[in-house]
N, C-alpha and C. Protein backbone atom coordinates (compact mmCIF):
# COMPACT_ATOMS: atom_id res chain seq x y z
N MET A 1 -92.88 37.59 -66.62
CA MET A 1 -92.20 36.58 -67.83
C MET A 1 -93.37 35.65 -68.44
N GLY A 2 -93.45 35.78 -69.71
CA GLY A 2 -94.80 34.62 -70.04
C GLY A 2 -93.76 33.65 -70.91
N GLN A 3 -94.44 32.40 -71.58
CA GLN A 3 -93.97 31.32 -72.25
C GLN A 3 -94.63 30.58 -73.16
N ILE A 4 -94.15 30.33 -74.34
CA ILE A 4 -94.44 29.42 -74.88
C ILE A 4 -93.98 28.16 -75.36
N THR A 5 -95.06 26.99 -74.90
CA THR A 5 -94.47 25.80 -74.54
C THR A 5 -95.19 24.98 -76.24
N PHE A 6 -94.37 24.44 -76.60
CA PHE A 6 -94.51 23.23 -78.20
C PHE A 6 -93.38 22.33 -78.19
N LEU A 7 -94.24 21.29 -78.69
CA LEU A 7 -94.00 20.05 -79.15
C LEU A 7 -93.33 20.40 -80.93
N CYS A 8 -91.99 19.55 -80.86
CA CYS A 8 -91.97 20.12 -82.40
C CYS A 8 -91.05 18.95 -82.96
N THR A 9 -91.14 19.17 -84.34
CA THR A 9 -89.90 17.93 -84.96
C THR A 9 -88.80 19.41 -85.15
N PRO A 10 -87.44 19.18 -85.21
CA PRO A 10 -86.27 20.54 -85.54
C PRO A 10 -86.63 20.91 -86.86
N GLU A 11 -87.35 20.50 -87.58
CA GLU A 11 -87.77 21.25 -88.51
C GLU A 11 -88.47 22.58 -88.03
N ILE A 12 -89.51 22.29 -87.54
CA ILE A 12 -90.41 23.38 -86.89
C ILE A 12 -89.88 24.08 -86.43
N SER A 13 -89.43 23.53 -85.09
CA SER A 13 -88.54 24.57 -84.14
C SER A 13 -87.24 25.05 -84.89
N ARG A 14 -86.74 25.04 -86.14
CA ARG A 14 -86.04 25.93 -86.80
C ARG A 14 -86.86 27.16 -87.98
N GLU A 15 -87.86 26.38 -88.19
CA GLU A 15 -88.91 27.83 -88.74
C GLU A 15 -89.22 28.89 -87.29
N VAL A 16 -89.57 28.18 -86.69
CA VAL A 16 -90.22 29.32 -85.71
C VAL A 16 -89.36 29.89 -84.83
N THR A 17 -88.36 29.63 -84.14
CA THR A 17 -87.73 30.63 -82.90
C THR A 17 -85.96 30.33 -83.76
N GLY A 18 -85.54 29.54 -85.04
CA GLY A 18 -84.35 29.30 -85.15
C GLY A 18 -83.46 28.12 -84.55
N LYS A 19 -83.18 27.62 -83.46
CA LYS A 19 -82.94 26.29 -82.84
C LYS A 19 -82.54 25.49 -83.81
N GLY A 20 -83.65 24.77 -84.54
CA GLY A 20 -83.77 23.75 -84.90
C GLY A 20 -83.49 22.38 -83.99
N ILE A 21 -84.24 22.46 -82.30
CA ILE A 21 -84.13 21.57 -81.56
C ILE A 21 -86.10 20.61 -82.47
N GLY A 22 -85.72 19.56 -81.61
CA GLY A 22 -86.63 18.74 -81.58
C GLY A 22 -86.97 18.62 -80.17
N GLY A 23 -88.54 17.95 -79.96
CA GLY A 23 -89.19 17.51 -78.84
C GLY A 23 -89.83 19.01 -78.02
N ASP A 24 -89.52 19.10 -76.76
CA ASP A 24 -90.26 20.50 -76.24
C ASP A 24 -89.30 21.67 -76.62
N ASP A 25 -89.65 22.63 -76.72
CA ASP A 25 -89.23 24.13 -76.91
C ASP A 25 -90.10 24.84 -76.83
N VAL A 26 -89.20 26.01 -76.65
CA VAL A 26 -89.66 27.24 -75.49
C VAL A 26 -89.43 28.59 -76.07
N ILE A 27 -90.34 29.43 -76.15
CA ILE A 27 -90.47 31.40 -76.98
C ILE A 27 -90.80 31.61 -75.15
N VAL A 28 -89.53 32.63 -74.93
CA VAL A 28 -90.29 33.27 -73.56
C VAL A 28 -90.27 34.76 -74.49
N TRP A 29 -90.84 35.30 -72.98
CA TRP A 29 -90.87 36.71 -73.15
C TRP A 29 -91.10 37.19 -72.23
N ASP A 30 -91.00 39.21 -72.28
CA ASP A 30 -90.95 39.94 -71.19
C ASP A 30 -92.27 40.99 -70.45
N LYS A 31 -92.71 40.67 -70.14
CA LYS A 31 -94.20 41.75 -69.87
C LYS A 31 -94.10 42.86 -70.71
N ASN A 32 -92.79 43.29 -69.90
CA ASN A 32 -92.25 44.65 -69.93
C ASN A 32 -91.80 45.34 -71.09
N ASP A 33 -91.52 44.20 -72.12
CA ASP A 33 -90.55 44.21 -73.39
C ASP A 33 -91.10 44.45 -74.61
N LEU A 34 -91.67 45.63 -75.26
CA LEU A 34 -92.81 45.53 -76.44
C LEU A 34 -92.25 44.41 -77.53
N GLN A 35 -91.00 44.81 -77.92
CA GLN A 35 -90.14 44.02 -78.84
C GLN A 35 -90.31 42.72 -78.19
N GLY A 36 -89.65 41.70 -77.34
CA GLY A 36 -90.22 40.83 -76.94
C GLY A 36 -91.53 39.69 -76.84
N ILE A 37 -92.86 40.84 -76.95
CA ILE A 37 -93.89 40.55 -77.46
C ILE A 37 -93.98 40.33 -78.41
N LYS A 38 -93.74 41.23 -79.23
CA LYS A 38 -93.95 41.29 -80.72
C LYS A 38 -93.77 40.16 -81.50
N GLU A 39 -91.99 39.43 -80.58
CA GLU A 39 -91.54 38.57 -81.63
C GLU A 39 -92.18 37.36 -81.05
N ALA A 40 -92.86 37.14 -79.60
CA ALA A 40 -93.74 36.11 -79.07
C ALA A 40 -95.01 35.69 -80.07
N SER A 41 -95.77 36.52 -80.46
CA SER A 41 -96.55 37.20 -81.43
C SER A 41 -96.58 36.07 -82.90
N GLU A 42 -95.60 36.70 -82.63
CA GLU A 42 -95.07 36.32 -84.09
C GLU A 42 -95.23 35.22 -84.55
N ARG A 43 -94.16 34.34 -83.29
CA ARG A 43 -94.47 33.13 -83.30
C ARG A 43 -95.81 32.04 -83.20
N PHE A 44 -96.28 33.05 -82.45
CA PHE A 44 -97.55 32.32 -82.13
C PHE A 44 -98.04 32.37 -83.13
N SER A 45 -98.36 33.31 -83.74
CA SER A 45 -99.05 33.60 -85.08
C SER A 45 -98.34 32.68 -86.04
N LYS A 46 -97.08 32.26 -86.22
CA LYS A 46 -96.35 30.77 -87.15
C LYS A 46 -97.43 29.56 -86.42
N LEU A 47 -97.19 29.40 -84.96
CA LEU A 47 -97.02 28.06 -84.89
C LEU A 47 -98.86 27.74 -85.39
N LYS A 48 -99.67 28.91 -84.92
CA LYS A 48 -101.43 28.59 -85.57
C LYS A 48 -101.42 28.10 -87.11
N ALA A 49 -100.50 28.96 -87.57
CA ALA A 49 -100.87 28.46 -89.31
C ALA A 49 -100.50 27.28 -89.47
N LEU A 50 -99.37 26.78 -88.74
CA LEU A 50 -98.90 25.32 -89.14
C LEU A 50 -100.08 24.50 -88.36
N GLY A 51 -100.73 25.08 -87.51
CA GLY A 51 -102.16 23.61 -86.71
C GLY A 51 -102.15 23.72 -85.77
N TYR A 52 -101.10 24.47 -84.71
CA TYR A 52 -101.42 24.01 -83.54
C TYR A 52 -102.31 24.66 -83.04
N ALA A 53 -102.83 24.27 -81.80
CA ALA A 53 -103.83 24.89 -81.00
C ALA A 53 -103.46 25.31 -79.76
N ALA A 54 -103.83 26.46 -79.00
CA ALA A 54 -103.44 26.79 -78.14
C ALA A 54 -103.44 26.98 -76.84
N PHE A 55 -103.70 26.83 -76.06
CA PHE A 55 -104.29 26.72 -74.55
C PHE A 55 -103.73 27.38 -73.11
N ASN A 56 -104.39 28.08 -72.36
CA ASN A 56 -104.17 28.76 -71.22
C ASN A 56 -103.10 27.80 -70.16
N VAL A 57 -102.24 28.28 -69.87
CA VAL A 57 -101.65 26.52 -68.86
C VAL A 57 -101.47 27.83 -67.30
N VAL A 58 -102.56 27.36 -66.25
CA VAL A 58 -102.92 27.70 -65.18
C VAL A 58 -102.56 26.74 -63.60
N GLY A 59 -101.17 27.34 -62.56
CA GLY A 59 -100.88 26.68 -62.05
C GLY A 59 -99.97 25.26 -62.81
N GLY A 60 -99.22 25.49 -63.49
CA GLY A 60 -98.86 24.22 -64.74
C GLY A 60 -99.86 23.21 -64.54
N LYS A 61 -101.01 23.30 -64.88
CA LYS A 61 -101.67 22.79 -65.86
C LYS A 61 -102.72 23.54 -66.46
N LYS A 62 -102.59 22.92 -67.95
CA LYS A 62 -103.62 23.14 -68.58
C LYS A 62 -105.13 23.28 -68.46
N SER A 63 -105.69 24.35 -68.39
CA SER A 63 -106.77 25.18 -67.98
C SER A 63 -108.07 24.43 -69.00
N GLY A 64 -108.07 24.38 -70.23
CA GLY A 64 -109.07 23.96 -70.82
C GLY A 64 -109.38 25.48 -71.88
N GLU A 65 -108.84 26.42 -70.90
CA GLU A 65 -109.28 27.40 -71.76
C GLU A 65 -108.20 27.26 -73.76
N PHE A 66 -109.40 27.86 -74.71
CA PHE A 66 -108.13 27.45 -76.00
C PHE A 66 -108.04 29.17 -76.32
N LEU A 67 -106.61 29.35 -76.44
CA LEU A 67 -106.62 30.86 -77.10
C LEU A 67 -106.70 30.75 -78.35
N LYS A 68 -107.47 31.66 -79.05
CA LYS A 68 -107.37 32.04 -80.37
C LYS A 68 -106.12 33.26 -81.00
N ASP A 69 -106.01 34.07 -79.62
CA ASP A 69 -104.73 35.02 -80.23
C ASP A 69 -104.17 35.10 -79.05
N PHE A 70 -102.61 35.70 -79.74
CA PHE A 70 -101.71 35.85 -78.47
C PHE A 70 -102.19 36.64 -77.27
N ASP A 71 -102.28 36.44 -75.87
CA ASP A 71 -102.21 37.66 -75.04
C ASP A 71 -100.71 37.72 -74.08
N PRO A 72 -100.53 38.66 -74.44
CA PRO A 72 -98.99 38.76 -73.78
C PRO A 72 -99.01 38.71 -72.69
N ASN A 73 -100.32 38.97 -71.52
CA ASN A 73 -100.25 38.60 -70.02
C ASN A 73 -100.47 37.47 -69.72
N VAL A 74 -101.20 36.04 -70.23
CA VAL A 74 -100.89 35.07 -69.71
C VAL A 74 -99.83 34.81 -69.50
N GLU A 75 -99.45 34.00 -68.23
CA GLU A 75 -98.16 33.51 -68.08
C GLU A 75 -97.75 32.44 -68.80
N GLU A 76 -98.31 31.24 -69.30
CA GLU A 76 -97.83 30.48 -69.84
C GLU A 76 -98.96 29.74 -70.63
N ILE A 77 -98.66 29.38 -72.11
CA ILE A 77 -99.28 29.22 -73.24
C ILE A 77 -98.81 27.79 -73.66
N MET A 78 -99.95 26.58 -74.03
CA MET A 78 -99.11 25.13 -73.78
C MET A 78 -100.08 25.52 -75.54
N MET A 79 -98.84 24.62 -76.41
CA MET A 79 -99.59 24.67 -78.38
C MET A 79 -99.04 23.00 -78.77
N ILE A 80 -100.04 22.48 -79.19
CA ILE A 80 -99.85 20.98 -79.30
C ILE A 80 -100.69 21.29 -81.20
N PRO A 81 -100.00 20.58 -81.55
CA PRO A 81 -99.96 20.59 -82.73
C PRO A 81 -101.70 19.20 -83.37
N ALA A 82 -101.55 19.84 -84.38
CA ALA A 82 -102.87 19.23 -84.58
C ALA A 82 -102.50 17.42 -84.96
N THR A 83 -104.02 16.62 -84.34
CA THR A 83 -103.60 15.23 -84.64
C THR A 83 -103.93 14.75 -86.53
N ARG A 84 -103.31 14.28 -86.68
CA ARG A 84 -104.13 13.51 -87.73
C ARG A 84 -104.59 11.61 -88.01
N GLY A 85 -105.93 12.05 -88.68
CA GLY A 85 -106.16 10.52 -88.24
C GLY A 85 -105.23 9.81 -89.91
N GLY A 86 -105.76 8.49 -89.87
CA GLY A 86 -104.89 7.96 -91.01
C GLY A 86 -105.39 6.42 -91.61
């Protein structure tokens, strides 16, 4: 199993996952389910298009490895929205 964890507003959650919850949201896929991988990849791409940065998480800690593309073999991906200066 793999998962993408991301912080979001209810609007972004609704757009990406259809759930409409705010705060932490999660997208889960099974590495043996091609349809699940495709859906997770599409949601990853949506978040990237919304300005999110993706990082590999190893042992519960952000590894610092920036992920440009979705990798279904990664155990956990943390996606963080871009910060904007004011």
